Amino acid sequence: MRFISELKEGSRIQDVYLCKHKQSAVTKNGKNYETVILQDRTGQLDAKIWDPNSEGIGEFEALDYIYVAGTVSMFNSSLQASLKQVRKADEGEYIPADYLPVTKRNTNVMLRELRDFIDSVGNDYLKQLLRSFFAEDKEFLHSFVQHSAAKTVHHSFVGGLLEHTIAVTKLCVFIADHYPAINRDLLITAAILHDIGKTKELSLFPTNEYTDDGQMLGHITIGAEMVHDHVLKIEGFPAFLETELKHCILAHHGEYEFGSPKKPAIIEALALNMADNTDAKLETMTEALENAAYGEKWLGFNRFFDSNLRRTDE
């Protein structure tokens, strides 16, 4: 198949894609059309069906695998497909794994790294807490490994949450080794647990959409609640240690305008915020570079960075 990342202005498409989203709309002139988001493991493509009642357009719904034929053009600095033919694909016409974005890293290797981090925690209460999630709760672990770290922006792929967590934890280990004032066990535990709420904030692929709890509470609040629920099962867990840990989670976005209920008040929360922000931004930049056309120097304006981005000269 021809993957979305290979398409460019002027490309003709005749292939099967996952219909991530489908919505009917009306033009200013009162003409009906449909917006469709096509997806494969390399990305998504906005597509329009300008004549949904034409003979070449069959019945299909969101999350169906669909065969499409059409052309790709540029609209508002982004690629957009105009579809002339659409039908629901038959089994055997597609391989489901081709349509889900997946981490490039080996999941088993990352899980071994995660277990090594947990084993390195010296505080018995914090180690028990981590093991209650990642060793004893098999359902949680499966969900954690399958989840993305975001709906969009960074690590928006299967295994993204695990990959992001490993990266943030590695940065926190580096920081803790250089600043003696930091409680290493607390910081490492907070790094591993900081985004666990995303297992309930977002649905699994192929939808990867916000749940009701995700919309109304958000992963930060959900994560703090999950920590509290697990702490209740650990006899003698120090109350203020729980408070410090939950504060790290509640403050890990750093600023109120970024959805953080609290600003960092302890050094571990500050370190976690910086590590989380570092990995999120560098991964976002990396993905922007990878998704840009081959050989393109200037990538255009990026709203996340509020800047025009450029590829570094080799």
C-alpha atoms as a PDB file:
ATOM      1  CA  MET A   1       0.000   0.000   0.000  1.00  0.00           C
ATOM      2  CA  ARG A   2       0.988   3.641  -0.369  1.00  0.00           C
ATOM      3  CA  PHE A   3       1.308   5.176   3.069  1.00  0.00           C
ATOM      4  CA  ILE A   4       0.037   8.670   3.887  1.00  0.00           C
ATOM      5  CA  SER A   5       3.572   9.860   4.685  1.00  0.00           C
ATOM      6  CA  GLU A   6       4.503   9.161   1.037  1.00  0.00           C
ATOM      7  CA  LEU A   7       1.754  11.354  -0.426  1.00  0.00           C
ATOM      8  CA  LYS A   8       2.409  14.828  -1.825  1.00  0.00           C
ATOM      9  CA  GLU A   9       0.572  17.480  -3.802  1.00  0.00           C
ATOM     10  CA  GLY A  10      -0.643  15.976  -7.058  1.00  0.00           C
ATOM     11  CA  SER A  11      -0.591  12.373  -5.821  1.00  0.00           C
ATOM     12  CA  ARG A  12      -3.347  10.009  -6.917  1.00  0.00           C
ATOM     13  CA  ILE A  13      -4.569   7.559  -4.294  1.00  0.00           C
ATOM     14  CA  GLN A  14      -6.186   4.184  -4.914  1.00  0.00           C
ATOM     15  CA  ASP A  15      -5.845   2.222  -1.704  1.00  0.00           C
ATOM     16  CA  VAL A  16      -7.390   1.135   1.586  1.00  0.00           C
ATOM     17  CA  TYR A  17      -7.241   3.353   4.675  1.00  0.00           C
ATOM     18  CA  LEU A  18      -8.887   3.414   8.077  1.00  0.00           C
ATOM     19  CA  CYS A  19     -11.724   5.933   8.281  1.00  0.00           C
ATOM     20  CA  LYS A  20     -10.829   7.612  11.575  1.00  0.00           C
ATOM     21  CA  HIS A  21     -13.625  10.191  11.382  1.00  0.00           C
ATOM     22  CA  LYS A  22     -16.623  10.980   9.196  1.00  0.00           C
ATOM     23  CA  GLN A  23     -18.831  14.067   9.344  1.00  0.00           C
ATOM     24  CA  SER A  24     -21.478  15.541   7.059  1.00  0.00           C
ATOM     25  CA  ALA A  25     -21.443  19.275   6.373  1.00  0.00           C
ATOM     26  CA  VAL A  26     -22.918  21.918   4.075  1.00  0.00           C
ATOM     27  CA  THR A  27     -21.076  24.464   1.915  1.00  0.00           C
ATOM     28  CA  LYS A  28     -21.933  28.172   1.927  1.00  0.00           C
ATOM     29  CA  ASN A  29     -23.933  27.489  -1.216  1.00  0.00           C
ATOM     30  CA  GLY A  30     -26.029  24.873   0.544  1.00  0.00           C
ATOM     31  CA  LYS A  31     -24.411  21.842  -1.073  1.00  0.00           C
ATOM     32  CA  ASN A  32     -23.904  18.713   1.043  1.00  0.00           C
ATOM     33  CA  TYR A  33     -20.418  17.224   1.401  1.00  0.00           C
ATOM     34  CA  GLU A  34     -18.567  14.944   3.811  1.00  0.00           C
ATOM     35  CA  THR A  35     -15.314  15.348   5.698  1.00  0.00           C
ATOM     36  CA  VAL A  36     -13.352  12.147   6.232  1.00  0.00           C
ATOM     37  CA  ILE A  37     -10.116  11.629   8.147  1.00  0.00           C
ATOM     38  CA  LEU A  38      -8.048   8.822   6.630  1.00  0.00           C
ATOM     39  CA  GLN A  39      -5.465   7.092   8.808  1.00  0.00           C
ATOM     40  CA  ASP A  40      -2.646   4.613   8.508  1.00  0.00           C
ATOM     41  CA  ARG A  41       0.319   3.912  10.762  1.00  0.00           C
ATOM     42  CA  THR A  42       2.273   6.840   9.299  1.00  0.00           C
ATOM     43  CA  GLY A  43      -0.302   9.548   9.927  1.00  0.00           C
ATOM     44  CA  GLN A  44      -3.659  11.054   9.010  1.00  0.00           C
ATOM     45  CA  LEU A  45      -5.025  12.823   5.941  1.00  0.00           C
ATOM     46  CA  ASP A  46      -7.973  15.191   5.695  1.00  0.00           C
ATOM     47  CA  ALA A  47     -10.267  14.197   2.811  1.00  0.00           C
ATOM     48  CA  LYS A  48     -13.461  15.587   1.289  1.00  0.00           C
ATOM     49  CA  ILE A  49     -16.297  13.871  -0.569  1.00  0.00           C
ATOM     50  CA  TRP A  50     -17.797  16.770  -2.468  1.00  0.00           C
ATOM     51  CA  ASP A  51     -20.572  14.705  -4.054  1.00  0.00           C
ATOM     52  CA  PRO A  52     -21.626  12.087  -1.447  1.00  0.00           C
ATOM     53  CA  ASN A  53     -24.653  11.020  -3.533  1.00  0.00           C
ATOM     54  CA  SER A  54     -22.654  10.096  -6.612  1.00  0.00           C
ATOM     55  CA  GLU A  55     -22.595   6.534  -7.912  1.00  0.00           C
ATOM     56  CA  GLY A  56     -18.994   5.947  -6.830  1.00  0.00           C
ATOM     57  CA  ILE A  57     -19.638   6.620  -3.143  1.00  0.00           C
ATOM     58  CA  GLY A  58     -20.775   3.584  -1.156  1.00  0.00           C
ATOM     59  CA  GLU A  59     -21.985   3.158   2.419  1.00  0.00           C
ATOM     60  CA  PHE A  60     -19.380   3.273   5.190  1.00  0.00           C
ATOM     61  CA  GLU A  61     -18.985   4.502   8.752  1.00  0.00           C
ATOM     62  CA  ALA A  62     -16.219   5.836  10.994  1.00  0.00           C
ATOM     63  CA  LEU A  63     -13.688   3.132  11.977  1.00  0.00           C
ATOM     64  CA  ASP A  64     -14.406   1.133   8.824  1.00  0.00           C
ATOM     65  CA  TYR A  65     -11.552   0.201   6.539  1.00  0.00           C
ATOM     66  CA  ILE A  66     -12.397   1.846   3.216  1.00  0.00           C
ATOM     67  CA  TYR A  67     -11.075   1.684  -0.326  1.00  0.00           C
ATOM     68  CA  VAL A  68     -10.734   5.195  -1.722  1.00  0.00           C
ATOM     69  CA  ALA A  69      -9.739   6.733  -5.031  1.00  0.00           C
ATOM     70  CA  GLY A  70      -9.011  10.401  -5.560  1.00  0.00           C
ATOM     71  CA  THR A  71      -6.382  13.120  -5.807  1.00  0.00           C
ATOM     72  CA  VAL A  72      -4.283  15.008  -3.282  1.00  0.00           C
ATOM     73  CA  SER A  73      -3.922  18.797  -3.312  1.00  0.00           C
ATOM     74  CA  MET A  74      -2.660  21.503  -0.974  1.00  0.00           C
ATOM     75  CA  PHE A  75      -5.153  23.504   1.105  1.00  0.00           C
ATOM     76  CA  ASN A  76      -4.135  26.008   3.807  1.00  0.00           C
ATOM     77  CA  SER A  77      -0.574  24.647   3.797  1.00  0.00           C
ATOM     78  CA  SER A  78      -1.778  21.079   4.436  1.00  0.00           C
ATOM     79  CA  LEU A  79      -2.458  18.127   2.168  1.00  0.00           C
ATOM     80  CA  GLN A  80      -6.099  17.346   1.451  1.00  0.00           C
ATOM     81  CA  ALA A  81      -7.626  14.572  -0.650  1.00  0.00           C
ATOM     82  CA  SER A  82     -10.681  14.881  -2.883  1.00  0.00           C
ATOM     83  CA  LEU A  83     -12.364  11.472  -3.068  1.00  0.00           C
ATOM     84  CA  LYS A  84     -14.283  10.311  -6.152  1.00  0.00           C
ATOM     85  CA  GLN A  85     -14.744   6.672  -5.128  1.00  0.00           C
ATOM     86  CA  VAL A  86     -15.282   5.191  -1.666  1.00  0.00           C
ATOM     87  CA  ARG A  87     -16.445   1.763  -0.578  1.00  0.00           C
ATOM     88  CA  LYS A  88     -16.106  -0.409   2.481  1.00  0.00           C
ATOM     89  CA  ALA A  89     -13.088  -2.675   2.091  1.00  0.00           C
ATOM     90  CA  ASP A  90     -13.412  -6.442   2.156  1.00  0.00           C
ATOM     91  CA  GLU A  91     -11.451  -8.656   4.537  1.00  0.00           C
ATOM     92  CA  GLY A  92      -8.177  -9.633   2.924  1.00  0.00           C
ATOM     93  CA  GLU A  93      -7.761  -6.236   1.271  1.00  0.00           C
ATOM     94  CA  TYR A  94      -5.903  -4.811   4.255  1.00  0.00           C
ATOM     95  CA  ILE A  95      -3.625  -5.704   7.151  1.00  0.00           C
ATOM     96  CA  PRO A  96      -4.894  -3.990  10.358  1.00  0.00           C
ATOM     97  CA  ALA A  97      -1.356  -3.435  11.676  1.00  0.00           C
ATOM     98  CA  ASP A  98      -0.698  -1.087   8.743  1.00  0.00           C
ATOM     99  CA  TYR A  99      -3.281   1.359  10.052  1.00  0.00           C
ATOM    100  CA  LEU A 100      -2.235   1.909  13.658  1.00  0.00           C
ATOM    101  CA  PRO A 101       0.711   4.192  14.443  1.00  0.00           C
ATOM    102  CA  VAL A 102       3.088   2.186  16.644  1.00  0.00           C
ATOM    103  CA  THR A 103       6.220   3.017  18.624  1.00  0.00           C
ATOM    104  CA  LYS A 104       9.478   2.363  16.796  1.00  0.00           C
ATOM    105  CA  ARG A 105      11.032   1.072  20.002  1.00  0.00           C
ATOM    106  CA  ASN A 106      10.873  -2.534  21.216  1.00  0.00           C
ATOM    107  CA  THR A 107       8.132  -2.804  23.835  1.00  0.00           C
ATOM    108  CA  ASN A 108       9.810  -5.653  25.737  1.00  0.00           C
ATOM    109  CA  VAL A 109      13.034  -3.668  26.005  1.00  0.00           C
ATOM    110  CA  MET A 110      11.150  -0.667  27.349  1.00  0.00           C
ATOM    111  CA  LEU A 111       9.334  -2.825  29.902  1.00  0.00           C
ATOM    112  CA  ARG A 112      12.674  -4.188  31.136  1.00  0.00           C
ATOM    113  CA  GLU A 113      13.911  -0.613  31.495  1.00  0.00           C
ATOM    114  CA  LEU A 114      10.776   0.261  33.454  1.00  0.00           C
ATOM    115  CA  ARG A 115      11.235  -2.708  35.805  1.00  0.00           C
ATOM    116  CA  ASP A 116      14.884  -1.725  36.336  1.00  0.00           C
ATOM    117  CA  PHE A 117      13.805   1.772  37.336  1.00  0.00           C
ATOM    118  CA  ILE A 118      11.274   0.330  39.780  1.00  0.00           C
ATOM    119  CA  ASP A 119      13.872  -2.030  41.269  1.00  0.00           C
ATOM    120  CA  SER A 120      16.210   0.941  41.770  1.00  0.00           C
ATOM    121  CA  VAL A 121      13.743   2.678  44.121  1.00  0.00           C
ATOM    122  CA  GLY A 122      14.965   2.190  47.690  1.00  0.00           C
ATOM    123  CA  ASN A 123      11.909   3.402  49.609  1.00  0.00           C
ATOM    124  CA  ASP A 124       9.811   0.303  50.361  1.00  0.00           C
ATOM    125  CA  TYR A 125       6.496   2.162  50.295  1.00  0.00           C
ATOM    126  CA  LEU A 126       7.162   3.761  46.922  1.00  0.00           C
ATOM    127  CA  LYS A 127       8.428   0.480  45.493  1.00  0.00           C
ATOM    128  CA  GLN A 128       5.303  -1.316  46.721  1.00  0.00           C
ATOM    129  CA  LEU A 129       3.180   1.376  45.096  1.00  0.00           C
ATOM    130  CA  LEU A 130       4.949   1.043  41.749  1.00  0.00           C
ATOM    131  CA  ARG A 131       4.699  -2.732  41.821  1.00  0.00           C
ATOM    132  CA  SER A 132       0.989  -2.520  42.655  1.00  0.00           C
ATOM    133  CA  PHE A 133       0.532  -0.860  39.259  1.00  0.00           C
ATOM    134  CA  PHE A 134       3.144  -2.471  37.037  1.00  0.00           C
ATOM    135  CA  ALA A 135       3.517  -5.977  38.502  1.00  0.00           C
ATOM    136  CA  GLU A 136       0.262  -6.846  40.266  1.00  0.00           C
ATOM    137  CA  ASP A 137      -2.321  -5.061  38.098  1.00  0.00           C
ATOM    138  CA  LYS A 138      -2.131  -6.951  34.784  1.00  0.00           C
ATOM    139  CA  GLU A 139      -5.127  -5.146  33.293  1.00  0.00           C
ATOM    140  CA  PHE A 140      -3.570  -1.748  34.014  1.00  0.00           C
ATOM    141  CA  LEU A 141      -0.190  -2.812  32.604  1.00  0.00           C
ATOM    142  CA  HIS A 142      -1.779  -4.023  29.359  1.00  0.00           C
ATOM    143  CA  SER A 143      -3.638  -0.735  28.986  1.00  0.00           C
ATOM    144  CA  PHE A 144      -0.523   1.296  29.826  1.00  0.00           C
ATOM    145  CA  VAL A 145       1.549  -0.473  27.172  1.00  0.00           C
ATOM    146  CA  GLN A 146      -1.144  -0.033  24.479  1.00  0.00           C
ATOM    147  CA  HIS A 147      -1.941   3.627  25.153  1.00  0.00           C
ATOM    148  CA  SER A 148      -0.665   6.737  23.446  1.00  0.00           C
ATOM    149  CA  ALA A 149       0.715   9.662  25.433  1.00  0.00           C
ATOM    150  CA  ALA A 150      -1.563  12.173  23.718  1.00  0.00           C
ATOM    151  CA  LYS A 151      -4.402  12.538  21.231  1.00  0.00           C
ATOM    152  CA  THR A 152      -2.127  14.692  19.083  1.00  0.00           C
ATOM    153  CA  VAL A 153       1.117  16.717  19.452  1.00  0.00           C
ATOM    154  CA  HIS A 154       3.564  14.082  20.773  1.00  0.00           C
ATOM    155  CA  HIS A 155       3.770  10.286  21.215  1.00  0.00           C
ATOM    156  CA  SER A 156       0.334   9.881  19.627  1.00  0.00           C
ATOM    157  CA  PHE A 157       0.808   6.212  18.800  1.00  0.00           C
ATOM    158  CA  VAL A 158       0.431   2.743  20.311  1.00  0.00           C
ATOM    159  CA  GLY A 159       3.152   2.435  22.944  1.00  0.00           C
ATOM    160  CA  GLY A 160       3.586   6.194  23.114  1.00  0.00           C
ATOM    161  CA  LEU A 161       2.719   6.386  26.809  1.00  0.00           C
ATOM    162  CA  LEU A 162       5.341   3.782  27.700  1.00  0.00           C
ATOM    163  CA  GLU A 163       7.957   5.424  25.460  1.00  0.00           C
ATOM    164  CA  HIS A 164       7.291   8.890  26.927  1.00  0.00           C
ATOM    165  CA  THR A 165       7.378   7.550  30.486  1.00  0.00           C
ATOM    166  CA  ILE A 166      10.746   5.852  29.924  1.00  0.00           C
ATOM    167  CA  ALA A 167      12.198   9.039  28.400  1.00  0.00           C
ATOM    168  CA  VAL A 168      10.963  11.257  31.245  1.00  0.00           C
ATOM    169  CA  THR A 169      12.242   8.808  33.854  1.00  0.00           C
ATOM    170  CA  LYS A 170      15.694   8.701  32.219  1.00  0.00           C
ATOM    171  CA  LEU A 171      15.844  12.503  32.282  1.00  0.00           C
ATOM    172  CA  CYS A 172      14.805  12.486  35.944  1.00  0.00           C
ATOM    173  CA  VAL A 173      17.533   9.952  36.811  1.00  0.00           C
ATOM    174  CA  PHE A 174      20.072  12.247  35.135  1.00  0.00           C
ATOM    175  CA  ILE A 175      18.752  15.276  37.050  1.00  0.00           C
ATOM    176  CA  ALA A 176      18.662  13.442  40.386  1.00  0.00           C
ATOM    177  CA  ASP A 177      22.272  12.322  39.958  1.00  0.00           C
ATOM    178  CA  HIS A 178      23.372  15.942  39.552  1.00  0.00           C
ATOM    179  CA  TYR A 179      21.364  17.669  42.284  1.00  0.00           C
ATOM    180  CA  PRO A 180      21.814  16.139  45.766  1.00  0.00           C
ATOM    181  CA  ALA A 181      18.869  18.098  47.166  1.00  0.00           C
ATOM    182  CA  ILE A 182      16.493  15.902  45.171  1.00  0.00           C
ATOM    183  CA  ASN A 183      14.823  12.893  46.776  1.00  0.00           C
ATOM    184  CA  ARG A 184      15.683  10.408  44.021  1.00  0.00           C
ATOM    185  CA  ASP A 185      13.118   7.777  45.042  1.00  0.00           C
ATOM    186  CA  LEU A 186      10.313  10.325  45.071  1.00  0.00           C
ATOM    187  CA  LEU A 187      11.306  11.807  41.716  1.00  0.00           C
ATOM    188  CA  ILE A 188      11.676   8.446  39.961  1.00  0.00           C
ATOM    189  CA  THR A 189       8.332   7.264  41.330  1.00  0.00           C
ATOM    190  CA  ALA A 190       6.645  10.485  40.236  1.00  0.00           C
ATOM    191  CA  ALA A 191       8.198  10.200  36.772  1.00  0.00           C
ATOM    192  CA  ILE A 192       6.897   6.666  36.290  1.00  0.00           C
ATOM    193  CA  LEU A 193       3.417   7.549  37.547  1.00  0.00           C
ATOM    194  CA  HIS A 194       3.006  11.094  36.230  1.00  0.00           C
ATOM    195  CA  ASP A 195       0.868  10.172  33.192  1.00  0.00           C
ATOM    196  CA  ILE A 196      -0.929   7.023  34.376  1.00  0.00           C
ATOM    197  CA  GLY A 197      -4.198   8.973  34.216  1.00  0.00           C
ATOM    198  CA  LYS A 198      -3.948   8.874  30.431  1.00  0.00           C
ATOM    199  CA  THR A 199      -5.021   5.226  30.540  1.00  0.00           C
ATOM    200  CA  LYS A 200      -8.437   6.573  31.532  1.00  0.00           C
ATOM    201  CA  GLU A 201      -8.302   9.964  29.813  1.00  0.00           C
ATOM    202  CA  LEU A 202      -7.936   8.496  26.311  1.00  0.00           C
ATOM    203  CA  SER A 203      -9.515   5.485  24.641  1.00  0.00           C
ATOM    204  CA  LEU A 204      -7.324   2.892  22.981  1.00  0.00           C
ATOM    205  CA  PHE A 205      -6.545   2.938  19.268  1.00  0.00           C
ATOM    206  CA  PRO A 206      -7.955   3.050  16.698  1.00  0.00           C
ATOM    207  CA  THR A 207     -10.146   5.764  18.246  1.00  0.00           C
ATOM    208  CA  ASN A 208      -7.607   7.421  20.617  1.00  0.00           C
ATOM    209  CA  GLU A 209     -10.257   9.937  21.672  1.00  0.00           C
ATOM    210  CA  TYR A 210     -10.991  11.629  24.990  1.00  0.00           C
ATOM    211  CA  THR A 211     -13.282   9.665  27.306  1.00  0.00           C
ATOM    212  CA  ASP A 212     -15.966  11.322  29.430  1.00  0.00           C
ATOM    213  CA  ASP A 213     -13.592  11.257  32.422  1.00  0.00           C
ATOM    214  CA  GLY A 214     -10.846  12.629  30.215  1.00  0.00           C
ATOM    215  CA  GLN A 215     -12.992  15.561  29.136  1.00  0.00           C
ATOM    216  CA  MET A 216     -14.369  16.326  32.594  1.00  0.00           C
ATOM    217  CA  LEU A 217     -11.406  15.549  34.854  1.00  0.00           C
ATOM    218  CA  GLY A 218      -8.239  15.245  32.779  1.00  0.00           C
ATOM    219  CA  HIS A 219      -5.313  12.865  33.200  1.00  0.00           C
ATOM    220  CA  ILE A 220      -3.612  14.883  35.942  1.00  0.00           C
ATOM    221  CA  THR A 221      -6.542  14.684  38.348  1.00  0.00           C
ATOM    222  CA  ILE A 222      -7.291  11.101  37.341  1.00  0.00           C
ATOM    223  CA  GLY A 223      -3.669  10.094  37.968  1.00  0.00           C
ATOM    224  CA  ALA A 224      -3.644  11.597  41.466  1.00  0.00           C
ATOM    225  CA  GLU A 225      -6.864   9.713  42.254  1.00  0.00           C
ATOM    226  CA  MET A 226      -5.388   6.442  40.982  1.00  0.00           C
ATOM    227  CA  VAL A 227      -2.329   6.903  43.205  1.00  0.00           C
ATOM    228  CA  HIS A 228      -4.562   7.536  46.224  1.00  0.00           C
ATOM    229  CA  ASP A 229      -6.635   4.426  45.530  1.00  0.00           C
ATOM    230  CA  HIS A 230      -3.508   2.245  45.403  1.00  0.00           C
ATOM    231  CA  VAL A 231      -1.945   3.890  48.465  1.00  0.00           C
ATOM    232  CA  LEU A 232      -5.018   2.912  50.503  1.00  0.00           C
ATOM    233  CA  LYS A 233      -4.098  -0.751  49.962  1.00  0.00           C
ATOM    234  CA  ILE A 234      -0.547  -0.334  51.333  1.00  0.00           C
ATOM    235  CA  GLU A 235      -0.527  -0.555  55.115  1.00  0.00           C
ATOM    236  CA  GLY A 236       1.382   2.205  56.847  1.00  0.00           C
ATOM    237  CA  PHE A 237       2.048   4.309  53.737  1.00  0.00           C
ATOM    238  CA  PRO A 238       3.203   7.719  55.092  1.00  0.00           C
ATOM    239  CA  ALA A 239       0.492  10.321  54.590  1.00  0.00           C
ATOM    240  CA  PHE A 240       2.837  13.181  53.726  1.00  0.00           C
ATOM    241  CA  LEU A 241       4.809  11.025  51.290  1.00  0.00           C
ATOM    242  CA  GLU A 242       1.534  10.467  49.457  1.00  0.00           C
ATOM    243  CA  THR A 243       0.932  14.227  49.498  1.00  0.00           C
ATOM    244  CA  GLU A 244       4.380  14.942  48.040  1.00  0.00           C
ATOM    245  CA  LEU A 245       3.909  12.331  45.327  1.00  0.00           C
ATOM    246  CA  LYS A 246       0.459  13.563  44.376  1.00  0.00           C
ATOM    247  CA  HIS A 247       1.766  17.140  44.327  1.00  0.00           C
ATOM    248  CA  CYS A 248       4.400  16.109  41.766  1.00  0.00           C
ATOM    249  CA  ILE A 249       1.667  14.658  39.569  1.00  0.00           C
ATOM    250  CA  LEU A 250      -0.660  17.636  40.028  1.00  0.00           C
ATOM    251  CA  ALA A 251       2.132  20.112  39.217  1.00  0.00           C
ATOM    252  CA  HIS A 252       3.870  18.312  36.370  1.00  0.00           C
ATOM    253  CA  HIS A 253       2.502  20.654  33.670  1.00  0.00           C
ATOM    254  CA  GLY A 254       4.065  23.540  35.562  1.00  0.00           C
ATOM    255  CA  GLU A 255       1.618  26.364  34.826  1.00  0.00           C
ATOM    256  CA  TYR A 256      -2.110  26.874  35.309  1.00  0.00           C
ATOM    257  CA  GLU A 257      -2.555  27.815  31.637  1.00  0.00           C
ATOM    258  CA  PHE A 258      -1.123  24.420  30.669  1.00  0.00           C
ATOM    259  CA  GLY A 259      -3.729  22.566  32.711  1.00  0.00           C
ATOM    260  CA  SER A 260      -1.697  22.142  35.889  1.00  0.00           C
ATOM    261  CA  PRO A 261      -3.881  22.322  39.035  1.00  0.00           C
ATOM    262  CA  LYS A 262      -0.813  23.373  41.049  1.00  0.00           C
ATOM    263  CA  LYS A 263       2.560  24.989  40.358  1.00  0.00           C
ATOM    264  CA  PRO A 264       5.661  23.119  41.580  1.00  0.00           C
ATOM    265  CA  ALA A 265       6.292  23.736  45.276  1.00  0.00           C
ATOM    266  CA  ILE A 266       9.024  21.135  45.867  1.00  0.00           C
ATOM    267  CA  ILE A 267      12.215  20.489  43.913  1.00  0.00           C
ATOM    268  CA  GLU A 268      11.062  17.051  42.739  1.00  0.00           C
ATOM    269  CA  ALA A 269       7.922  18.552  41.188  1.00  0.00           C
ATOM    270  CA  LEU A 270      10.030  21.179  39.427  1.00  0.00           C
ATOM    271  CA  ALA A 271      12.425  18.551  38.082  1.00  0.00           C
ATOM    272  CA  LEU A 272       9.527  16.409  36.842  1.00  0.00           C
ATOM    273  CA  ASN A 273       7.919  19.380  35.099  1.00  0.00           C
ATOM    274  CA  MET A 274      11.170  20.196  33.308  1.00  0.00           C
ATOM    275  CA  ALA A 275      11.786  16.581  32.263  1.00  0.00           C
ATOM    276  CA  ASP A 276       8.212  16.140  31.011  1.00  0.00           C
ATOM    277  CA  ASN A 277       8.322  19.398  29.078  1.00  0.00           C
ATOM    278  CA  THR A 278      11.718  18.553  27.582  1.00  0.00           C
ATOM    279  CA  ASP A 279      10.640  15.170  26.225  1.00  0.00           C
ATOM    280  CA  ALA A 280       7.269  16.435  24.988  1.00  0.00           C
ATOM    281  CA  LYS A 281       8.782  19.330  23.045  1.00  0.00           C
ATOM    282  CA  LEU A 282      11.739  17.447  21.607  1.00  0.00           C
ATOM    283  CA  GLU A 283       9.496  14.573  20.501  1.00  0.00           C
ATOM    284  CA  THR A 284       7.086  17.068  18.918  1.00  0.00           C
ATOM    285  CA  MET A 285       9.973  18.666  17.013  1.00  0.00           C
ATOM    286  CA  THR A 286      11.274  15.234  16.001  1.00  0.00           C
ATOM    287  CA  GLU A 287       7.885  14.182  14.649  1.00  0.00           C
ATOM    288  CA  ALA A 288       7.564  17.469  12.728  1.00  0.00           C
ATOM    289  CA  LEU A 289      10.934  16.822  11.075  1.00  0.00           C
ATOM    290  CA  GLU A 290      10.037  13.218  10.262  1.00  0.00           C
ATOM    291  CA  ASN A 291       6.685  14.179   8.752  1.00  0.00           C
ATOM    292  CA  ALA A 292       8.098  16.948   6.564  1.00  0.00           C
ATOM    293  CA  ALA A 293       8.761  16.343   2.896  1.00  0.00           C
ATOM    294  CA  TYR A 294      12.146  14.841   2.126  1.00  0.00           C
ATOM    295  CA  GLY A 295      14.805  17.484   1.474  1.00  0.00           C
ATOM    296  CA  GLU A 296      12.587  20.324   2.695  1.00  0.00           C
ATOM    297  CA  LYS A 297      14.554  22.847   4.783  1.00  0.00           C
ATOM    298  CA  TRP A 298      11.886  25.200   6.103  1.00  0.00           C
ATOM    299  CA  LEU A 299       8.908  23.302   7.533  1.00  0.00           C
ATOM    300  CA  GLY A 300       6.583  26.293   7.935  1.00  0.00           C
ATOM    301  CA  PHE A 301       4.878  27.807  10.958  1.00  0.00           C
ATOM    302  CA  ASN A 302       4.213  25.445  13.866  1.00  0.00           C
ATOM    303  CA  ARG A 303       1.529  26.566  16.330  1.00  0.00           C
ATOM    304  CA  PHE A 304       2.915  24.459  19.163  1.00  0.00           C
ATOM    305  CA  PHE A 305       6.276  26.246  19.015  1.00  0.00           C
ATOM    306  CA  ASP A 306       4.873  29.558  17.747  1.00  0.00           C
ATOM    307  CA  SER A 307       7.723  29.636  15.260  1.00  0.00           C
ATOM    308  CA  ASN A 308       8.733  28.759  11.724  1.00  0.00           C
ATOM    309  CA  LEU A 309      10.745  25.543  11.945  1.00  0.00           C
ATOM    310  CA  ARG A 310      13.826  24.643   9.934  1.00  0.00           C
ATOM    311  CA  ARG A 311      15.769  21.448   9.453  1.00  0.00           C
ATOM    312  CA  THR A 312      19.381  21.599  10.616  1.00  0.00           C
ATOM    313  CA  ASP A 313      21.959  21.483   7.824  1.00  0.00           C
ATOM    314  CA  GLU A 314      23.835  18.204   7.718  1.00  0.00           C
END
